[in-house]
N, C-alpha and C. Protein backbone atom coordinates (compact mmCIF):
# COMPACT_ATOMS: atom_id res chain seq x y z
N MET A 1 239.45 87.26 67.91
CA MET A 1 240.40 88.23 68.43
C MET A 1 239.98 88.67 69.82
N ALA A 2 240.92 88.83 70.73
CA ALA A 2 240.60 89.21 72.11
C ALA A 2 240.27 90.68 72.18
N VAL A 3 239.17 90.98 72.88
CA VAL A 3 238.73 92.36 73.04
C VAL A 3 238.50 92.58 74.55
N PRO A 4 238.94 93.74 75.11
CA PRO A 4 238.69 93.99 76.53
C PRO A 4 237.21 94.06 76.84
N LYS A 5 236.82 93.46 77.96
CA LYS A 5 235.41 93.45 78.37
C LYS A 5 235.01 94.80 78.96
N ARG A 6 235.96 95.45 79.67
CA ARG A 6 235.68 96.74 80.32
C ARG A 6 236.76 97.75 79.91
N ARG A 7 236.39 98.99 79.90
CA ARG A 7 237.35 100.04 79.61
C ARG A 7 238.35 100.20 80.77
N THR A 8 239.62 100.42 80.45
CA THR A 8 240.64 100.62 81.49
C THR A 8 240.50 102.03 82.02
N SER A 9 240.40 102.16 83.34
CA SER A 9 240.24 103.48 83.96
C SER A 9 241.53 104.30 83.82
N LYS A 10 241.43 105.61 83.95
CA LYS A 10 242.60 106.49 83.89
C LYS A 10 243.59 106.14 84.99
N ALA A 11 243.07 105.86 86.20
CA ALA A 11 243.95 105.57 87.33
C ALA A 11 244.72 104.28 87.08
N ARG A 12 244.05 103.26 86.58
CA ARG A 12 244.73 101.98 86.32
C ARG A 12 245.79 102.12 85.21
N HIS A 13 245.44 102.88 84.17
CA HIS A 13 246.35 103.12 83.07
C HIS A 13 247.59 103.90 83.54
N ARG A 14 247.39 104.96 84.28
CA ARG A 14 248.50 105.79 84.76
C ARG A 14 249.35 105.06 85.79
N LYS A 15 248.73 104.22 86.59
CA LYS A 15 249.49 103.44 87.58
C LYS A 15 250.47 102.50 86.87
N ARG A 16 250.06 101.95 85.75
CA ARG A 16 250.92 101.03 84.98
C ARG A 16 252.10 101.79 84.37
N PHE A 17 251.89 102.98 83.85
CA PHE A 17 252.95 103.75 83.21
C PHE A 17 253.78 104.54 84.19
N ALA A 18 253.42 104.57 85.46
CA ALA A 18 254.20 105.29 86.47
C ALA A 18 255.51 104.59 86.74
N GLN A 19 255.64 103.32 86.36
CA GLN A 19 256.86 102.55 86.62
C GLN A 19 257.95 102.84 85.59
N TRP A 20 257.70 103.65 84.57
CA TRP A 20 258.64 103.87 83.48
C TRP A 20 259.68 104.91 83.81
N ALA A 21 259.63 105.54 84.97
CA ALA A 21 260.55 106.63 85.28
C ALA A 21 262.00 106.11 85.33
N LEU A 22 262.93 106.95 84.89
CA LEU A 22 264.34 106.61 84.93
C LEU A 22 264.91 106.87 86.32
N GLY A 23 265.77 106.00 86.75
CA GLY A 23 266.42 106.19 88.05
C GLY A 23 267.71 106.97 87.89
N PRO A 24 268.39 107.24 89.00
CA PRO A 24 269.64 107.98 88.93
C PRO A 24 270.72 107.17 88.22
N VAL A 25 271.68 107.83 87.59
CA VAL A 25 272.77 107.18 86.89
C VAL A 25 273.69 106.52 87.90
N LYS A 26 274.02 105.26 87.68
CA LYS A 26 274.92 104.53 88.56
C LYS A 26 276.34 104.87 88.20
N LEU A 27 277.20 105.08 89.21
CA LEU A 27 278.61 105.37 88.98
C LEU A 27 279.46 104.43 89.81
N VAL A 28 280.65 104.09 89.29
CA VAL A 28 281.61 103.26 89.99
C VAL A 28 282.94 103.98 90.00
N ARG A 29 283.84 103.58 90.91
CA ARG A 29 285.16 104.20 90.97
C ARG A 29 286.10 103.45 90.02
N CYS A 30 286.92 104.21 89.33
CA CYS A 30 287.94 103.62 88.43
C CYS A 30 289.02 102.99 89.29
N ARG A 31 289.46 101.80 88.95
CA ARG A 31 290.50 101.11 89.73
C ARG A 31 291.86 101.77 89.51
N HIS A 32 292.03 102.48 88.42
CA HIS A 32 293.33 103.05 88.12
C HIS A 32 293.49 104.46 88.69
N CYS A 33 292.52 105.35 88.43
CA CYS A 33 292.68 106.76 88.87
C CYS A 33 291.76 107.16 90.02
N GLY A 34 290.74 106.37 90.32
CA GLY A 34 289.86 106.66 91.43
C GLY A 34 288.70 107.58 91.12
N GLU A 35 288.62 108.10 89.88
CA GLU A 35 287.47 108.95 89.49
C GLU A 35 286.24 108.08 89.30
N ARG A 36 285.07 108.73 89.39
CA ARG A 36 283.81 108.01 89.21
C ARG A 36 283.38 108.08 87.76
N HIS A 37 282.95 106.93 87.21
CA HIS A 37 282.47 106.88 85.84
C HIS A 37 281.39 105.80 85.75
N ARG A 38 280.73 105.70 84.59
CA ARG A 38 279.66 104.72 84.40
C ARG A 38 280.25 103.33 84.30
N PRO A 39 279.57 102.32 84.84
CA PRO A 39 280.10 100.96 84.80
C PRO A 39 280.11 100.40 83.38
N HIS A 40 281.04 99.48 83.09
CA HIS A 40 281.17 98.78 81.84
C HIS A 40 281.53 99.74 80.70
N GLU A 41 282.18 100.86 81.02
CA GLU A 41 282.63 101.82 80.01
C GLU A 41 284.08 102.20 80.31
N VAL A 42 284.77 102.66 79.28
CA VAL A 42 286.15 103.13 79.45
C VAL A 42 286.10 104.39 80.32
N CYS A 43 287.06 104.49 81.27
CA CYS A 43 287.11 105.67 82.12
C CYS A 43 287.48 106.86 81.26
N PRO A 44 286.68 107.93 81.24
CA PRO A 44 287.00 109.10 80.41
C PRO A 44 288.14 109.94 80.98
N TYR A 45 288.54 109.69 82.22
CA TYR A 45 289.58 110.49 82.87
C TYR A 45 290.98 109.92 82.63
N CYS A 46 291.11 108.59 82.59
CA CYS A 46 292.44 108.00 82.40
C CYS A 46 292.52 107.08 81.18
N GLY A 47 291.38 106.68 80.61
CA GLY A 47 291.39 105.84 79.40
C GLY A 47 291.59 104.36 79.67
N HIS A 48 291.41 103.91 80.93
CA HIS A 48 291.59 102.50 81.26
C HIS A 48 290.26 101.76 81.30
N TYR A 49 290.32 100.47 80.97
CA TYR A 49 289.16 99.58 81.07
C TYR A 49 289.69 98.20 81.46
N HIS A 50 289.21 97.65 82.53
CA HIS A 50 289.67 96.35 83.06
C HIS A 50 291.19 96.31 83.21
N ASN A 51 291.72 97.35 83.86
CA ASN A 51 293.13 97.48 84.15
C ASN A 51 294.03 97.50 82.93
N ARG A 52 293.50 97.86 81.78
CA ARG A 52 294.29 98.03 80.56
C ARG A 52 294.11 99.43 80.01
N HIS A 53 295.15 100.02 79.49
CA HIS A 53 295.04 101.33 78.86
C HIS A 53 294.48 101.13 77.45
N VAL A 54 293.28 101.72 77.19
CA VAL A 54 292.58 101.47 75.94
C VAL A 54 292.64 102.69 75.04
N THR A 55 292.31 103.87 75.58
CA THR A 55 292.28 105.09 74.79
C THR A 55 292.94 106.25 75.53
N GLU A 56 293.09 107.32 74.83
CA GLU A 56 293.59 108.55 75.46
C GLU A 56 292.46 109.17 76.29
N PRO A 57 292.77 109.82 77.42
CA PRO A 57 291.70 110.43 78.25
C PRO A 57 291.01 111.54 77.48
N ARG A 58 289.67 111.64 77.69
CA ARG A 58 288.87 112.70 77.07
C ARG A 58 288.62 113.87 78.00
N LEU A 59 288.59 113.62 79.29
CA LEU A 59 288.25 114.66 80.28
C LEU A 59 289.44 114.85 81.22
N LYS A 60 289.45 116.02 81.84
CA LYS A 60 290.45 116.29 82.88
C LYS A 60 289.84 115.93 84.22
N ALA A 61 290.65 115.36 85.09
CA ALA A 61 290.19 114.98 86.44
C ALA A 61 289.95 116.22 87.27
N ALA A 62 288.87 116.20 88.06
CA ALA A 62 288.54 117.33 88.94
C ALA A 62 289.55 117.34 90.10
N GLU A 63 290.20 118.45 90.27
CA GLU A 63 291.21 118.52 91.36
C GLU A 63 290.78 119.49 92.42
């Protein structure tokens, strides 16, 4: 069984886990109503997905 030859230092360990941070949420504009929503999801403001009406809107558009 493989065993580490040297102990991993705190700096090396923390440097490896520093890459796990979450980035900002990506948003795209809806082709139908123009509101911003998450990509690959139904628009919560108009209920459209890929230019088709899928569901009833859940949110009111900011005016």
